[in-house]
Amino acid sequence: MTSPAPRFAGVVPPTVTPLTEEGEVDITSLERLVERLLDAGVDGIFALGSSGETVFLTDRQRDRALEVIVKTAGGAVPVLAGCIEPTTRRVLDRAEASTRLGADGLVATAPFYAIVGPHEVERHFRSLAAGVELPLLAYDIPVCVHSKLSTDLLTRLAAEGILAGVKDSSGDDVAFRQLALSIAEHAPDTDFSLLTGHEVVVDAMMLAGAAGSVPGLGNVDPAGYVRLHRACTGGDWAAARREQDRLTRLFRIVDAADPATSAGATRGVGAFKTALNLLGVIASNAVSLPLRPLDAEETARVRTQLELAGLL
């Protein structure tokens, strides 16, 4: 007897949110980005995640971005909506808005800023699941929320049907492998979606039991990640490694920004947006304050990596 296929699987890029120079959502660029992702054959879209600058955006901007993404996707693939807020009640407010705007699933982190422990984290996810109609996925990103979701907790919530999946951006590949084993052992009859956000080791995570990936770099080269996923699911691990190696080299665009004046999101989201601007997908590489856009010298370094990857 085989386990049910996860509802959310395959390549699910976390879309960036293109902005105008005035800081508003660039609707035309966002439509073009989503259409490009669909043309590449992605299996879903994750709106308003870290790559989408969700914590930098106002509720009005978030609503507009999600509305455009859902409308442009047109039901071709499921749209997951990030509901990234520090506490339970605030997440539920975002979940209500996301449901109204047509999302197919919701993604939430553990509480942050508030000082909590494992009991509060579990109560948080149980309360969210009880208060929403859509499938709920946990977003494991301890670098931002300062707590790691444990294997025991995720397995328990999966087995009880509280969580529909996890988007793992912890970078803890040992824990990811243990979680895959634990789900197989203790929740085999669930359609729990185990998704990796670790874009440079997708092939390894697929071999470990992932159902798919949520690669920020998938904004830049969605077709490459689709080829990678298909090679993995087809058992062609040599082809998967070749594609993963190419994408890992392309990921060097995040090193383009000067570390003396940038960190974190400026280097990652800034590089993705700069690459998309060079590819003619979005009109500007503008980012939200207090981030800064990459300058001409940094943009030239991104261009070099795009050329090496065969994208320009």
C-alpha atoms as a PDB file:
ATOM      1  CA  MET A   1       0.000   0.000   0.000  1.00  0.00           C
ATOM      2  CA  THR A   2       1.474   3.351  -1.020  1.00  0.00           C
ATOM      3  CA  SER A   3       1.119   6.649   0.799  1.00  0.00           C
ATOM      4  CA  PRO A   4      -1.254   9.221  -0.727  1.00  0.00           C
ATOM      5  CA  ALA A   5       0.363  11.752  -3.035  1.00  0.00           C
ATOM      6  CA  PRO A   6       0.855  15.136  -1.346  1.00  0.00           C
ATOM      7  CA  ARG A   7      -1.483  17.870  -2.535  1.00  0.00           C
ATOM      8  CA  PHE A   8       1.369  20.368  -2.698  1.00  0.00           C
ATOM      9  CA  ALA A   9       4.411  18.973  -4.476  1.00  0.00           C
ATOM     10  CA  GLY A  10       6.879  19.653  -7.258  1.00  0.00           C
ATOM     11  CA  VAL A  11       8.420  23.051  -7.915  1.00  0.00           C
ATOM     12  CA  VAL A  12       6.672  25.833  -5.984  1.00  0.00           C
ATOM     13  CA  PRO A  13       8.690  29.049  -6.396  1.00  0.00           C
ATOM     14  CA  PRO A  14       8.259  31.743  -3.733  1.00  0.00           C
ATOM     15  CA  THR A  15       7.567  34.737  -5.944  1.00  0.00           C
ATOM     16  CA  VAL A  16       9.348  38.004  -5.451  1.00  0.00           C
ATOM     17  CA  THR A  17       7.068  41.048  -5.263  1.00  0.00           C
ATOM     18  CA  PRO A  18       8.111  43.501  -7.995  1.00  0.00           C
ATOM     19  CA  LEU A  19       7.935  47.120  -6.869  1.00  0.00           C
ATOM     20  CA  THR A  20       7.860  50.424  -8.666  1.00  0.00           C
ATOM     21  CA  GLU A  21      10.458  53.063  -7.853  1.00  0.00           C
ATOM     22  CA  GLU A  22       7.796  54.640  -5.620  1.00  0.00           C
ATOM     23  CA  GLY A  23       7.468  51.418  -3.622  1.00  0.00           C
ATOM     24  CA  GLU A  24       4.096  50.244  -4.925  1.00  0.00           C
ATOM     25  CA  VAL A  25       3.389  46.744  -6.237  1.00  0.00           C
ATOM     26  CA  ASP A  26       4.292  46.635  -9.938  1.00  0.00           C
ATOM     27  CA  ILE A  27       1.259  44.780 -11.248  1.00  0.00           C
ATOM     28  CA  THR A  28       2.431  44.413 -14.838  1.00  0.00           C
ATOM     29  CA  SER A  29       5.801  42.994 -13.790  1.00  0.00           C
ATOM     30  CA  LEU A  30       4.173  40.615 -11.316  1.00  0.00           C
ATOM     31  CA  GLU A  31       1.793  39.326 -13.976  1.00  0.00           C
ATOM     32  CA  ARG A  32       4.735  38.789 -16.318  1.00  0.00           C
ATOM     33  CA  LEU A  33       6.655  36.927 -13.605  1.00  0.00           C
ATOM     34  CA  VAL A  34       3.759  34.582 -12.812  1.00  0.00           C
ATOM     35  CA  GLU A  35       3.147  33.899 -16.497  1.00  0.00           C
ATOM     36  CA  ARG A  36       6.825  33.026 -16.909  1.00  0.00           C
ATOM     37  CA  LEU A  37       6.663  30.606 -13.980  1.00  0.00           C
ATOM     38  CA  LEU A  38       3.591  28.919 -15.438  1.00  0.00           C
ATOM     39  CA  ASP A  39       5.192  28.690 -18.887  1.00  0.00           C
ATOM     40  CA  ALA A  40       8.181  26.955 -17.276  1.00  0.00           C
ATOM     41  CA  GLY A  41       5.900  24.250 -15.893  1.00  0.00           C
ATOM     42  CA  VAL A  42       5.986  24.948 -12.157  1.00  0.00           C
ATOM     43  CA  ASP A  43       3.596  22.992  -9.945  1.00  0.00           C
ATOM     44  CA  GLY A  44       2.537  25.782  -7.602  1.00  0.00           C
ATOM     45  CA  ILE A  45       3.300  29.300  -6.450  1.00  0.00           C
ATOM     46  CA  PHE A  46       4.126  30.525  -2.959  1.00  0.00           C
ATOM     47  CA  ALA A  47       3.060  34.139  -2.594  1.00  0.00           C
ATOM     48  CA  LEU A  48       4.199  36.470   0.181  1.00  0.00           C
ATOM     49  CA  GLY A  49       7.070  34.467   1.574  1.00  0.00           C
ATOM     50  CA  SER A  50      10.542  35.692   2.466  1.00  0.00           C
ATOM     51  CA  SER A  51      11.438  36.171  -1.203  1.00  0.00           C
ATOM     52  CA  GLY A  52       8.211  38.160  -1.567  1.00  0.00           C
ATOM     53  CA  GLU A  53       9.355  40.633   1.107  1.00  0.00           C
ATOM     54  CA  THR A  54       6.121  39.951   2.966  1.00  0.00           C
ATOM     55  CA  VAL A  55       7.229  41.389   6.320  1.00  0.00           C
ATOM     56  CA  PHE A  56       8.215  44.638   4.579  1.00  0.00           C
ATOM     57  CA  LEU A  57       4.860  45.130   2.866  1.00  0.00           C
ATOM     58  CA  THR A  58       1.722  46.746   4.188  1.00  0.00           C
ATOM     59  CA  ASP A  59      -1.513  44.742   4.317  1.00  0.00           C
ATOM     60  CA  ARG A  60      -2.735  46.740   1.326  1.00  0.00           C
ATOM     61  CA  GLN A  61       0.345  45.777  -0.670  1.00  0.00           C
ATOM     62  CA  ARG A  62       0.085  42.154   0.396  1.00  0.00           C
ATOM     63  CA  ASP A  63      -3.547  41.981  -0.630  1.00  0.00           C
ATOM     64  CA  ARG A  64      -2.797  43.519  -4.009  1.00  0.00           C
ATOM     65  CA  ALA A  65       0.126  41.189  -4.711  1.00  0.00           C
ATOM     66  CA  LEU A  66      -1.835  38.081  -3.746  1.00  0.00           C
ATOM     67  CA  GLU A  67      -4.846  39.214  -5.771  1.00  0.00           C
ATOM     68  CA  VAL A  68      -2.669  39.615  -8.880  1.00  0.00           C
ATOM     69  CA  ILE A  69      -0.923  36.271  -8.382  1.00  0.00           C
ATOM     70  CA  VAL A  70      -4.164  34.341  -7.884  1.00  0.00           C
ATOM     71  CA  LYS A  71      -5.828  36.008 -10.860  1.00  0.00           C
ATOM     72  CA  THR A  72      -2.841  35.463 -13.142  1.00  0.00           C
ATOM     73  CA  ALA A  73      -2.411  31.835 -12.082  1.00  0.00           C
ATOM     74  CA  GLY A  74      -6.060  31.339 -12.967  1.00  0.00           C
ATOM     75  CA  GLY A  75      -6.325  28.020 -11.171  1.00  0.00           C
ATOM     76  CA  ALA A  76      -3.605  26.422 -13.312  1.00  0.00           C
ATOM     77  CA  VAL A  77      -1.585  25.636 -10.191  1.00  0.00           C
ATOM     78  CA  PRO A  78      -2.311  26.006  -6.455  1.00  0.00           C
ATOM     79  CA  VAL A  79      -1.290  29.260  -4.807  1.00  0.00           C
ATOM     80  CA  LEU A  80       0.047  29.135  -1.254  1.00  0.00           C
ATOM     81  CA  ALA A  81      -0.192  32.392   0.677  1.00  0.00           C
ATOM     82  CA  GLY A  82       2.279  33.345   3.362  1.00  0.00           C
ATOM     83  CA  CYS A  83       0.590  34.546   6.550  1.00  0.00           C
ATOM     84  CA  ILE A  84       3.752  35.704   8.269  1.00  0.00           C
ATOM     85  CA  GLU A  85       2.921  37.518  11.483  1.00  0.00           C
ATOM     86  CA  PRO A  86       4.390  37.407  15.002  1.00  0.00           C
ATOM     87  CA  THR A  87       1.342  36.113  16.882  1.00  0.00           C
ATOM     88  CA  THR A  88      -1.646  33.849  16.382  1.00  0.00           C
ATOM     89  CA  ARG A  89      -4.437  36.419  16.112  1.00  0.00           C
ATOM     90  CA  ARG A  90      -2.499  38.418  13.530  1.00  0.00           C
ATOM     91  CA  VAL A  91      -1.845  35.293  11.460  1.00  0.00           C
ATOM     92  CA  LEU A  92      -5.562  34.504  11.523  1.00  0.00           C
ATOM     93  CA  ASP A  93      -6.302  37.977  10.191  1.00  0.00           C
ATOM     94  CA  ARG A  94      -3.932  37.401   7.276  1.00  0.00           C
ATOM     95  CA  ALA A  95      -5.393  33.939   6.743  1.00  0.00           C
ATOM     96  CA  GLU A  96      -8.871  35.428   6.473  1.00  0.00           C
ATOM     97  CA  ALA A  97      -7.679  37.933   3.863  1.00  0.00           C
ATOM     98  CA  SER A  98      -5.778  35.252   1.940  1.00  0.00           C
ATOM     99  CA  THR A  99      -8.797  32.964   1.874  1.00  0.00           C
ATOM    100  CA  ARG A 100     -10.997  35.779   0.620  1.00  0.00           C
ATOM    101  CA  LEU A 101      -8.490  36.567  -2.140  1.00  0.00           C
ATOM    102  CA  GLY A 102      -8.500  33.002  -3.455  1.00  0.00           C
ATOM    103  CA  ALA A 103      -5.443  31.262  -1.985  1.00  0.00           C
ATOM    104  CA  ASP A 104      -5.421  27.446  -2.023  1.00  0.00           C
ATOM    105  CA  GLY A 105      -3.301  26.988   1.090  1.00  0.00           C
ATOM    106  CA  LEU A 106      -1.771  28.973   3.930  1.00  0.00           C
ATOM    107  CA  VAL A 107       1.777  29.078   5.256  1.00  0.00           C
ATOM    108  CA  ALA A 108       2.678  30.289   8.747  1.00  0.00           C
ATOM    109  CA  THR A 109       5.801  30.399  10.884  1.00  0.00           C
ATOM    110  CA  ALA A 110       6.139  29.866  14.606  1.00  0.00           C
ATOM    111  CA  PRO A 111       5.466  33.035  16.631  1.00  0.00           C
ATOM    112  CA  PHE A 112       8.310  35.550  16.671  1.00  0.00           C
ATOM    113  CA  TYR A 113       9.324  38.636  18.603  1.00  0.00           C
ATOM    114  CA  ALA A 114       7.074  37.291  21.361  1.00  0.00           C
ATOM    115  CA  ILE A 115       9.044  35.056  23.720  1.00  0.00           C
ATOM    116  CA  VAL A 116       7.543  31.577  23.445  1.00  0.00           C
ATOM    117  CA  GLY A 117       8.490  27.957  24.021  1.00  0.00           C
ATOM    118  CA  PRO A 118       7.512  24.660  22.408  1.00  0.00           C
ATOM    119  CA  HIS A 119       4.121  24.502  24.150  1.00  0.00           C
ATOM    120  CA  GLU A 120       3.129  27.919  22.809  1.00  0.00           C
ATOM    121  CA  VAL A 121       4.373  27.007  19.338  1.00  0.00           C
ATOM    122  CA  GLU A 122       2.216  23.887  19.298  1.00  0.00           C
ATOM    123  CA  ARG A 123      -0.799  25.819  20.626  1.00  0.00           C
ATOM    124  CA  HIS A 124      -0.194  28.406  17.900  1.00  0.00           C
ATOM    125  CA  PHE A 125      -0.425  25.886  15.053  1.00  0.00           C
ATOM    126  CA  ARG A 126      -3.378  24.055  16.582  1.00  0.00           C
ATOM    127  CA  SER A 127      -5.239  27.334  17.019  1.00  0.00           C
ATOM    128  CA  LEU A 128      -4.470  28.376  13.444  1.00  0.00           C
ATOM    129  CA  ALA A 129      -5.696  25.080  12.022  1.00  0.00           C
ATOM    130  CA  ALA A 130      -8.892  25.330  14.050  1.00  0.00           C
ATOM    131  CA  GLY A 131      -9.516  28.848  12.780  1.00  0.00           C
ATOM    132  CA  VAL A 132      -8.973  28.378   9.031  1.00  0.00           C
ATOM    133  CA  GLU A 133     -10.660  26.406   6.286  1.00  0.00           C
ATOM    134  CA  LEU A 134      -7.690  26.037   3.944  1.00  0.00           C
ATOM    135  CA  PRO A 135      -4.808  23.573   4.331  1.00  0.00           C
ATOM    136  CA  LEU A 136      -2.120  24.919   6.663  1.00  0.00           C
ATOM    137  CA  LEU A 137       1.619  24.428   6.139  1.00  0.00           C
ATOM    138  CA  ALA A 138       4.281  25.263   8.690  1.00  0.00           C
ATOM    139  CA  TYR A 139       7.207  27.421   7.611  1.00  0.00           C
ATOM    140  CA  ASP A 140      10.335  26.294   9.441  1.00  0.00           C
ATOM    141  CA  ILE A 141      12.756  29.234   9.266  1.00  0.00           C
ATOM    142  CA  PRO A 142      14.634  29.533  12.564  1.00  0.00           C
ATOM    143  CA  VAL A 143      17.041  32.161  11.225  1.00  0.00           C
ATOM    144  CA  CYS A 144      14.072  34.574  11.216  1.00  0.00           C
ATOM    145  CA  VAL A 145      11.833  33.366  14.047  1.00  0.00           C
ATOM    146  CA  HIS A 146      14.591  32.017  16.344  1.00  0.00           C
ATOM    147  CA  SER A 147      12.952  28.684  17.073  1.00  0.00           C
ATOM    148  CA  LYS A 148      13.300  25.379  15.216  1.00  0.00           C
ATOM    149  CA  LEU A 149      10.205  23.259  14.645  1.00  0.00           C
ATOM    150  CA  SER A 150      10.997  19.849  16.093  1.00  0.00           C
ATOM    151  CA  THR A 151      10.582  16.536  14.298  1.00  0.00           C
ATOM    152  CA  ASP A 152       8.292  15.290  17.064  1.00  0.00           C
ATOM    153  CA  LEU A 153       6.006  18.317  16.812  1.00  0.00           C
ATOM    154  CA  LEU A 154       5.724  18.239  13.030  1.00  0.00           C
ATOM    155  CA  THR A 155       5.134  14.484  12.995  1.00  0.00           C
ATOM    156  CA  ARG A 156       2.434  14.738  15.654  1.00  0.00           C
ATOM    157  CA  LEU A 157       0.647  17.577  13.872  1.00  0.00           C
ATOM    158  CA  ALA A 158       0.919  15.747  10.550  1.00  0.00           C
ATOM    159  CA  ALA A 159      -0.501  12.515  11.982  1.00  0.00           C
ATOM    160  CA  GLU A 160      -3.449  14.399  13.496  1.00  0.00           C
ATOM    161  CA  GLY A 161      -4.178  16.269  10.277  1.00  0.00           C
ATOM    162  CA  ILE A 162      -3.409  19.646  11.842  1.00  0.00           C
ATOM    163  CA  LEU A 163      -0.718  20.460   9.278  1.00  0.00           C
ATOM    164  CA  ALA A 164      -0.827  19.705   5.558  1.00  0.00           C
ATOM    165  CA  GLY A 165       2.914  20.130   5.141  1.00  0.00           C
ATOM    166  CA  VAL A 166       6.085  21.996   5.960  1.00  0.00           C
ATOM    167  CA  LYS A 167       8.229  24.395   3.984  1.00  0.00           C
ATOM    168  CA  ASP A 168      11.659  23.731   5.435  1.00  0.00           C
ATOM    169  CA  SER A 169      14.086  26.639   5.235  1.00  0.00           C
ATOM    170  CA  SER A 170      16.007  25.653   8.331  1.00  0.00           C
ATOM    171  CA  GLY A 171      19.121  24.561   6.450  1.00  0.00           C
ATOM    172  CA  ASP A 172      19.239  21.620   8.867  1.00  0.00           C
ATOM    173  CA  ASP A 173      19.495  18.741   6.416  1.00  0.00           C
ATOM    174  CA  VAL A 174      19.939  16.151   9.158  1.00  0.00           C
ATOM    175  CA  ALA A 175      16.645  17.219  10.745  1.00  0.00           C
ATOM    176  CA  PHE A 176      14.993  17.195   7.317  1.00  0.00           C
ATOM    177  CA  ARG A 177      16.071  13.588   6.745  1.00  0.00           C
ATOM    178  CA  GLN A 178      14.870  12.603  10.194  1.00  0.00           C
ATOM    179  CA  LEU A 179      11.518  14.290   9.559  1.00  0.00           C
ATOM    180  CA  ALA A 180      11.069  12.440   6.272  1.00  0.00           C
ATOM    181  CA  LEU A 181      11.707   9.142   8.052  1.00  0.00           C
ATOM    182  CA  SER A 182       9.456  10.051  10.962  1.00  0.00           C
ATOM    183  CA  ILE A 183       6.543  10.978   8.681  1.00  0.00           C
ATOM    184  CA  ALA A 184       6.963   7.701   6.793  1.00  0.00           C
ATOM    185  CA  GLU A 185       7.010   5.743  10.048  1.00  0.00           C
ATOM    186  CA  HIS A 186       4.322   7.514  12.060  1.00  0.00           C
ATOM    187  CA  ALA A 187       2.070   9.308   9.558  1.00  0.00           C
ATOM    188  CA  PRO A 188       2.252   7.179   6.407  1.00  0.00           C
ATOM    189  CA  ASP A 189      -1.418   7.581   5.525  1.00  0.00           C
ATOM    190  CA  THR A 190      -1.316  11.362   5.371  1.00  0.00           C
ATOM    191  CA  ASP A 191      -0.686  13.468   2.272  1.00  0.00           C
ATOM    192  CA  PHE A 192       1.792  15.622   4.191  1.00  0.00           C
ATOM    193  CA  SER A 193       3.813  17.853   1.838  1.00  0.00           C
ATOM    194  CA  LEU A 194       7.486  17.884   2.727  1.00  0.00           C
ATOM    195  CA  LEU A 195       8.987  20.789   0.784  1.00  0.00           C
ATOM    196  CA  THR A 196      12.586  21.975   0.912  1.00  0.00           C
ATOM    197  CA  GLY A 197      13.529  25.623   0.626  1.00  0.00           C
ATOM    198  CA  HIS A 198      17.226  24.750   0.424  1.00  0.00           C
ATOM    199  CA  GLU A 199      17.660  25.475  -3.266  1.00  0.00           C
ATOM    200  CA  VAL A 200      21.267  24.334  -3.628  1.00  0.00           C
ATOM    201  CA  VAL A 201      20.633  20.775  -2.398  1.00  0.00           C
ATOM    202  CA  VAL A 202      17.223  19.993  -3.872  1.00  0.00           C
ATOM    203  CA  ASP A 203      18.518  16.788  -5.459  1.00  0.00           C
ATOM    204  CA  ALA A 204      19.746  15.505  -2.093  1.00  0.00           C
ATOM    205  CA  MET A 205      16.521  16.482  -0.338  1.00  0.00           C
ATOM    206  CA  MET A 206      14.427  14.779  -3.023  1.00  0.00           C
ATOM    207  CA  LEU A 207      16.491  11.643  -2.521  1.00  0.00           C
ATOM    208  CA  ALA A 208      15.829  11.973   1.212  1.00  0.00           C
ATOM    209  CA  GLY A 209      12.078  12.039   0.669  1.00  0.00           C
ATOM    210  CA  ALA A 210      11.014  15.588  -0.186  1.00  0.00           C
ATOM    211  CA  ALA A 211       7.867  15.994  -2.256  1.00  0.00           C
ATOM    212  CA  GLY A 212       9.220  19.126  -3.883  1.00  0.00           C
ATOM    213  CA  SER A 213      11.039  22.408  -3.474  1.00  0.00           C
ATOM    214  CA  VAL A 214      10.308  26.075  -2.828  1.00  0.00           C
ATOM    215  CA  PRO A 215      13.410  27.678  -4.343  1.00  0.00           C
ATOM    216  CA  GLY A 216      13.835  31.449  -4.265  1.00  0.00           C
ATOM    217  CA  LEU A 217      16.214  31.053  -7.184  1.00  0.00           C
ATOM    218  CA  GLY A 218      13.279  29.501  -9.035  1.00  0.00           C
ATOM    219  CA  ASN A 219      12.146  33.053  -9.772  1.00  0.00           C
ATOM    220  CA  VAL A 220      15.244  33.444 -11.916  1.00  0.00           C
ATOM    221  CA  ASP A 221      15.425  30.001 -13.523  1.00  0.00           C
ATOM    222  CA  PRO A 222      12.120  28.165 -13.038  1.00  0.00           C
ATOM    223  CA  ALA A 223      12.731  25.926 -16.046  1.00  0.00           C
ATOM    224  CA  GLY A 224      15.975  24.729 -14.479  1.00  0.00           C
ATOM    225  CA  TYR A 225      14.199  23.681 -11.293  1.00  0.00           C
ATOM    226  CA  VAL A 226      11.458  21.955 -13.279  1.00  0.00           C
ATOM    227  CA  ARG A 227      14.121  19.959 -15.151  1.00  0.00           C
ATOM    228  CA  LEU A 228      15.787  19.155 -11.835  1.00  0.00           C
ATOM    229  CA  HIS A 229      12.533  17.943 -10.270  1.00  0.00           C
ATOM    230  CA  ARG A 230      11.664  15.794 -13.267  1.00  0.00           C
ATOM    231  CA  ALA A 231      15.119  14.229 -13.261  1.00  0.00           C
ATOM    232  CA  CYS A 232      14.733  13.392  -9.568  1.00  0.00           C
ATOM    233  CA  THR A 233      11.250  11.909  -9.884  1.00  0.00           C
ATOM    234  CA  GLY A 234      12.394  10.003 -12.958  1.00  0.00           C
ATOM    235  CA  GLY A 235      15.304   8.484 -11.058  1.00  0.00           C
ATOM    236  CA  ASP A 236      17.927  10.063 -13.318  1.00  0.00           C
ATOM    237  CA  TRP A 237      20.193  11.185 -10.497  1.00  0.00           C
ATOM    238  CA  ALA A 238      23.153  11.909 -12.780  1.00  0.00           C
ATOM    239  CA  ALA A 239      21.053  14.410 -14.755  1.00  0.00           C
ATOM    240  CA  ALA A 240      19.689  15.796 -11.496  1.00  0.00           C
ATOM    241  CA  ARG A 241      23.180  16.395 -10.184  1.00  0.00           C
ATOM    242  CA  ARG A 242      24.241  18.167 -13.386  1.00  0.00           C
ATOM    243  CA  GLU A 243      21.238  20.484 -13.229  1.00  0.00           C
ATOM    244  CA  GLN A 244      21.671  21.068  -9.506  1.00  0.00           C
ATOM    245  CA  ASP A 245      25.345  21.927 -10.013  1.00  0.00           C
ATOM    246  CA  ARG A 246      24.403  24.476 -12.683  1.00  0.00           C
ATOM    247  CA  LEU A 247      21.787  26.027 -10.410  1.00  0.00           C
ATOM    248  CA  THR A 248      24.185  26.055  -7.477  1.00  0.00           C
ATOM    249  CA  ARG A 249      26.652  28.044  -9.556  1.00  0.00           C
ATOM    250  CA  LEU A 250      23.853  30.414 -10.561  1.00  0.00           C
ATOM    251  CA  PHE A 251      23.035  30.873  -6.874  1.00  0.00           C
ATOM    252  CA  ARG A 252      26.331  32.752  -6.630  1.00  0.00           C
ATOM    253  CA  ILE A 253      24.341  35.832  -7.661  1.00  0.00           C
ATOM    254  CA  VAL A 254      23.558  36.253  -3.952  1.00  0.00           C
ATOM    255  CA  ASP A 255      27.253  37.058  -3.454  1.00  0.00           C
ATOM    256  CA  ALA A 256      27.073  39.984  -5.876  1.00  0.00           C
ATOM    257  CA  ALA A 257      26.121  42.607  -3.290  1.00  0.00           C
ATOM    258  CA  ASP A 258      28.917  44.239  -1.327  1.00  0.00           C
ATOM    259  CA  PRO A 259      28.826  42.615   2.148  1.00  0.00           C
ATOM    260  CA  ALA A 260      30.195  45.832   3.638  1.00  0.00           C
ATOM    261  CA  THR A 261      26.883  47.568   2.945  1.00  0.00           C
ATOM    262  CA  SER A 262      24.361  44.740   2.679  1.00  0.00           C
ATOM    263  CA  ALA A 263      23.228  41.541   4.317  1.00  0.00           C
ATOM    264  CA  GLY A 264      20.430  38.998   4.328  1.00  0.00           C
ATOM    265  CA  ALA A 265      17.482  40.000   2.202  1.00  0.00           C
ATOM    266  CA  THR A 266      19.362  42.715   0.309  1.00  0.00           C
ATOM    267  CA  ARG A 267      21.770  40.078  -0.970  1.00  0.00           C
ATOM    268  CA  GLY A 268      19.150  37.404  -1.690  1.00  0.00           C
ATOM    269  CA  VAL A 269      15.994  39.194  -2.797  1.00  0.00           C
ATOM    270  CA  GLY A 270      18.076  42.034  -4.220  1.00  0.00           C
ATOM    271  CA  ALA A 271      20.000  39.605  -6.404  1.00  0.00           C
ATOM    272  CA  PHE A 272      16.868  37.769  -7.563  1.00  0.00           C
ATOM    273  CA  LYS A 273      15.181  41.023  -8.530  1.00  0.00           C
ATOM    274  CA  THR A 274      18.291  42.315 -10.266  1.00  0.00           C
ATOM    275  CA  ALA A 275      18.530  39.106 -12.282  1.00  0.00           C
ATOM    276  CA  LEU A 276      14.851  39.305 -13.239  1.00  0.00           C
ATOM    277  CA  ASN A 277      15.328  42.912 -14.288  1.00  0.00           C
ATOM    278  CA  LEU A 278      18.283  41.944 -16.485  1.00  0.00           C
ATOM    279  CA  LEU A 279      16.180  39.151 -18.000  1.00  0.00           C
ATOM    280  CA  GLY A 280      13.458  41.668 -18.855  1.00  0.00           C
ATOM    281  CA  VAL A 281      10.880  40.062 -16.574  1.00  0.00           C
ATOM    282  CA  ILE A 282      10.415  42.904 -14.090  1.00  0.00           C
ATOM    283  CA  ALA A 283      10.838  46.609 -14.735  1.00  0.00           C
ATOM    284  CA  SER A 284      12.936  47.487 -11.701  1.00  0.00           C
ATOM    285  CA  ASN A 285      15.125  45.873  -9.066  1.00  0.00           C
ATOM    286  CA  ALA A 286      13.579  48.118  -6.404  1.00  0.00           C
ATOM    287  CA  VAL A 287      13.303  46.602  -2.933  1.00  0.00           C
ATOM    288  CA  SER A 288      11.601  47.632   0.310  1.00  0.00           C
ATOM    289  CA  LEU A 289      13.244  49.809   2.910  1.00  0.00           C
ATOM    290  CA  PRO A 290      15.521  49.331   4.760  1.00  0.00           C
ATOM    291  CA  LEU A 291      16.892  47.099   1.971  1.00  0.00           C
ATOM    292  CA  ARG A 292      18.691  48.705  -0.948  1.00  0.00           C
ATOM    293  CA  PRO A 293      18.781  47.812  -4.643  1.00  0.00           C
ATOM    294  CA  LEU A 294      21.993  46.481  -6.144  1.00  0.00           C
ATOM    295  CA  ASP A 295      24.133  49.123  -7.823  1.00  0.00           C
ATOM    296  CA  ALA A 296      25.686  49.062 -11.307  1.00  0.00           C
ATOM    297  CA  GLU A 297      28.854  47.232 -10.265  1.00  0.00           C
ATOM    298  CA  GLU A 298      26.893  44.605  -8.349  1.00  0.00           C
ATOM    299  CA  THR A 299      24.447  44.251 -11.228  1.00  0.00           C
ATOM    300  CA  ALA A 300      27.358  43.528 -13.558  1.00  0.00           C
ATOM    301  CA  ARG A 301      28.373  40.640 -11.292  1.00  0.00           C
ATOM    302  CA  VAL A 302      24.823  39.243 -11.482  1.00  0.00           C
ATOM    303  CA  ARG A 303      24.916  39.569 -15.274  1.00  0.00           C
ATOM    304  CA  THR A 304      28.112  37.510 -15.403  1.00  0.00           C
ATOM    305  CA  GLN A 305      26.493  34.644 -13.516  1.00  0.00           C
ATOM    306  CA  LEU A 306      23.415  34.749 -15.753  1.00  0.00           C
ATOM    307  CA  GLU A 307      25.650  34.516 -18.785  1.00  0.00           C
ATOM    308  CA  LEU A 308      27.600  31.598 -17.298  1.00  0.00           C
ATOM    309  CA  ALA A 309      24.312  29.804 -16.602  1.00  0.00           C
ATOM    310  CA  GLY A 310      23.161  30.268 -20.191  1.00  0.00           C
ATOM    311  CA  LEU A 311      20.276  32.571 -19.308  1.00  0.00           C
ATOM    312  CA  LEU A 312      21.671  35.635 -21.113  1.00  0.00           C
END
